[in-house]
Protein backbone atom coordinates (compact mmCIF):
# COMPACT_ATOMS: atom_id res chain seq x y z
CA UNK A 1 16.79 15.81 -17.36
CA UNK A 2 19.32 14.15 -15.10
CA UNK A 3 19.71 10.39 -14.92
CA UNK A 4 18.34 10.41 -11.37
CA UNK A 5 15.22 12.35 -12.43
CA UNK A 6 14.70 10.04 -15.39
CA UNK A 7 15.02 7.03 -13.07
CA UNK A 8 12.43 8.50 -10.69
CA UNK A 9 9.92 8.96 -13.52
CA UNK A 10 10.50 5.41 -14.73
CA UNK A 11 9.67 4.09 -11.26
CA UNK A 12 6.57 6.28 -11.08
CA UNK A 13 5.36 4.89 -14.40
CA UNK A 14 6.25 1.40 -13.18
CA UNK A 15 4.21 1.97 -10.03
CA UNK A 16 1.16 2.91 -12.11
CA UNK A 17 1.54 -0.21 -14.27
CA UNK A 18 2.01 -2.44 -11.21
CA UNK A 19 -1.04 -0.86 -9.62
CA UNK A 20 -3.12 -1.42 -12.74
CA UNK A 21 -1.92 -5.03 -12.96
CA UNK A 22 -2.89 -5.66 -9.34
CA UNK A 23 -6.33 -4.16 -9.93
CA UNK A 24 -6.88 -6.35 -13.00
CA UNK A 25 -5.78 -9.43 -11.04
CA UNK A 26 -8.33 -8.65 -8.32
CA UNK A 27 -11.06 -8.24 -10.92
CA UNK A 28 -10.37 -11.55 -12.67
CA UNK A 29 -12.65 -14.41 -11.66
CA UNK A 30 -9.85 -16.79 -10.66
CA UNK A 31 -11.92 -18.80 -8.16
CA UNK A 32 -15.30 -20.34 -8.71
CA UNK A 33 -16.03 -21.11 -5.06
CA UNK A 34 -16.44 -18.49 -2.32
CA UNK A 35 -13.36 -17.84 -0.23
CA UNK A 36 -13.55 -18.52 3.49
CA UNK A 37 -10.55 -16.31 4.29
CA UNK A 38 -9.38 -12.86 3.27
CA UNK A 39 -6.09 -12.57 1.44
CA UNK A 40 -3.63 -9.73 1.81
CA UNK A 41 -4.18 -6.31 0.30
CA UNK A 42 -1.21 -6.46 -2.05
CA UNK A 43 -1.79 -2.92 -3.33
CA UNK A 44 -1.59 -1.61 0.23
CA UNK A 45 1.69 -3.50 0.73
CA UNK A 46 3.08 -2.05 -2.51
CA UNK A 47 2.15 1.52 -1.59
CA UNK A 48 3.54 1.19 1.93
CA UNK A 49 6.76 -0.55 0.85
CA UNK A 50 7.54 2.13 -1.70
CA UNK A 51 6.48 4.94 0.65
CA UNK A 52 8.89 3.73 3.33
CA UNK A 53 11.76 2.90 0.99
CA UNK A 54 11.57 5.54 -1.74
CA UNK A 55 9.00 8.26 -0.98
CA UNK A 56 10.06 10.18 -4.11
CA UNK A 57 8.85 7.31 -6.33
CA UNK A 58 5.25 7.51 -5.08
CA UNK A 59 4.02 11.10 -4.77
CA UNK A 60 0.75 11.60 -2.94
CA UNK A 61 -1.24 12.50 -6.06
CA UNK A 62 -0.07 9.31 -7.80
CA UNK A 63 -1.08 7.14 -4.83
CA UNK A 64 -4.45 8.88 -4.59
CA UNK A 65 -5.15 8.39 -8.30
CA UNK A 66 -4.30 4.68 -8.38
CA UNK A 67 -6.18 3.87 -5.16
CA UNK A 68 -9.19 5.97 -6.20
CA UNK A 69 -9.33 4.01 -9.46
CA UNK A 70 -9.17 0.82 -7.39
CA UNK A 71 -12.02 2.12 -5.19
CA UNK A 72 -14.22 2.69 -8.24
CA UNK A 73 -13.42 -0.63 -9.92
CA UNK A 74 -13.79 -2.72 -6.75
CA UNK A 75 -17.01 -0.88 -5.86
CA UNK A 76 -15.82 0.39 -2.51
CA UNK A 77 -17.04 3.72 -1.12
CA UNK A 78 -15.33 6.14 -3.53
CA UNK A 79 -12.40 7.91 -1.98
CA UNK A 80 -12.57 6.37 1.49
CA UNK A 81 -9.81 3.81 1.03
CA UNK A 82 -7.84 6.26 -1.10
CA UNK A 83 -7.96 8.98 1.57
CA UNK A 84 -6.98 6.59 4.35
CA UNK A 85 -4.09 5.08 2.39
CA UNK A 86 -2.86 8.53 1.37
CA UNK A 87 -2.92 9.60 5.02
CA UNK A 88 -1.11 6.46 6.18
CA UNK A 89 1.48 6.71 3.40
CA UNK A 90 2.04 10.38 4.25
CA UNK A 91 2.71 9.35 7.86
CA UNK A 92 5.07 6.60 6.70
CA UNK A 93 6.91 9.01 4.40
CA UNK A 94 7.37 11.42 7.28
CA UNK A 95 8.81 8.58 9.37
CA UNK A 96 11.06 7.35 6.55
CA UNK A 97 14.68 7.33 7.62
CA UNK A 98 17.93 6.47 5.94
CA UNK A 99 18.80 2.82 5.37
CA UNK A 100 21.32 2.93 8.22
CA UNK A 101 18.72 4.04 10.77
CA UNK A 102 15.79 1.82 9.77
CA UNK A 103 15.65 -1.85 10.73
CA UNK A 104 13.22 -4.31 9.16
CA UNK A 105 11.60 -4.82 12.57
CA UNK A 106 10.99 -1.09 12.98
CA UNK A 107 9.61 -0.92 9.45
CA UNK A 108 7.21 -3.80 10.12
CA UNK A 109 6.02 -2.12 13.34
CA UNK A 110 5.27 1.07 11.38
CA UNK A 111 3.45 -0.93 8.70
CA UNK A 112 1.44 -2.80 11.34
CA UNK A 113 0.36 0.49 12.91
CA UNK A 114 -0.59 1.84 9.47
CA UNK A 115 -2.55 -1.26 8.40
CA UNK A 116 -4.45 -1.38 11.70
CA UNK A 117 -5.06 2.37 11.51
CA UNK A 118 -6.55 2.05 8.01
CA UNK A 119 -8.68 -0.90 9.20
CA UNK A 120 -10.02 0.90 12.28
CA UNK A 121 -10.63 4.16 10.44
CA UNK A 122 -12.48 2.32 7.66
CA UNK A 123 -14.75 0.54 10.15
CA UNK A 124 -15.38 3.75 12.11
CA UNK A 125 -16.24 5.82 9.03
CA UNK A 126 -18.47 3.10 7.58
CA UNK A 127 -20.27 2.79 10.93
CA UNK A 128 -20.74 6.57 11.22
CA UNK A 129 -22.12 6.67 7.68
CA UNK A 130 -24.48 3.81 8.57
CA UNK A 131 -23.10 1.69 5.75
CA UNK A 132 -22.91 -2.10 6.02
CA UNK A 133 -19.72 -3.30 7.70
CA UNK A 134 -17.81 -6.39 6.63
CA UNK A 135 -17.54 -8.90 9.45
CA UNK A 136 -14.84 -8.04 11.94
CA UNK A 137 -13.22 -11.46 11.54
CA UNK A 138 -12.84 -10.93 7.77
CA UNK A 139 -11.40 -7.46 8.29
CA UNK A 140 -8.95 -8.69 10.93
CA UNK A 141 -7.96 -11.68 8.78
CA UNK A 142 -7.19 -9.38 5.87
CA UNK A 143 -5.19 -7.04 8.11
CA UNK A 144 -3.22 -9.95 9.54
CA UNK A 145 -2.52 -11.46 6.12
CA UNK A 146 -1.48 -8.02 4.81
CA UNK A 147 0.96 -7.56 7.70
CA UNK A 148 2.36 -11.07 7.16
CA UNK A 149 2.67 -10.48 3.39
CA UNK A 150 4.42 -7.10 3.78
CA UNK A 151 7.97 -8.52 4.18
CA UNK A 152 7.49 -10.47 0.93
CA UNK A 153 6.53 -7.25 -0.86
CA UNK A 154 9.41 -5.34 0.76
CA UNK A 155 11.93 -7.98 -0.33
CA UNK A 156 10.42 -8.21 -3.81
CA UNK A 157 10.57 -4.43 -4.12
CA UNK A 158 14.18 -4.37 -2.97
CA UNK A 159 15.63 -7.30 -4.88
CA UNK A 160 13.42 -7.70 -7.95
CA UNK A 161 12.27 -4.13 -8.60
CA UNK A 162 15.40 -2.49 -7.13
CA UNK A 163 13.41 -0.12 -4.90
CA UNK A 164 15.91 0.18 -2.08
CA UNK A 165 15.91 2.70 0.76
CA UNK A 166 17.46 6.09 0.13
CA UNK A 167 21.16 6.13 0.98
CA UNK A 168 22.64 9.04 2.90
CA UNK A 169 24.77 9.95 -0.13
CA UNK A 170 21.57 10.45 -2.21
CA UNK A 171 19.89 12.91 0.15
């Protein structure tokens, strides 16, 4: 196996471990009082940051597996969030460009569209299935905090985890 292929598999394994760590952190009872605000969906930021920067590190089946596990453990409708995130990440991967062509502003616009698309699709599907909807203000607060947190995840991915956009010489 080439060094590049070995590196790709190491990042895929790293993604799974990061995903599992984020799930465990969400399951831990770290607060004893109810929250009045919704924090960012860090897993969504991780998936989107890696999908935009290095689509080869997060294949669709890997994303679907990790998010489906998160759906089960967080007691969300099984597969709904996973399907929507897979669809959004697929769209982001198709839009992924080389580092020279993509600006951070353009990336954030794409992420904003994706986060809002997942939010609206979730609400629509839950409403059509006649399932209880979270309050719109909580959903919008989480979407806003996720969009605001995305640059932190993108910078952490780039400078701490070394997940940088594909260079033209690598394609």
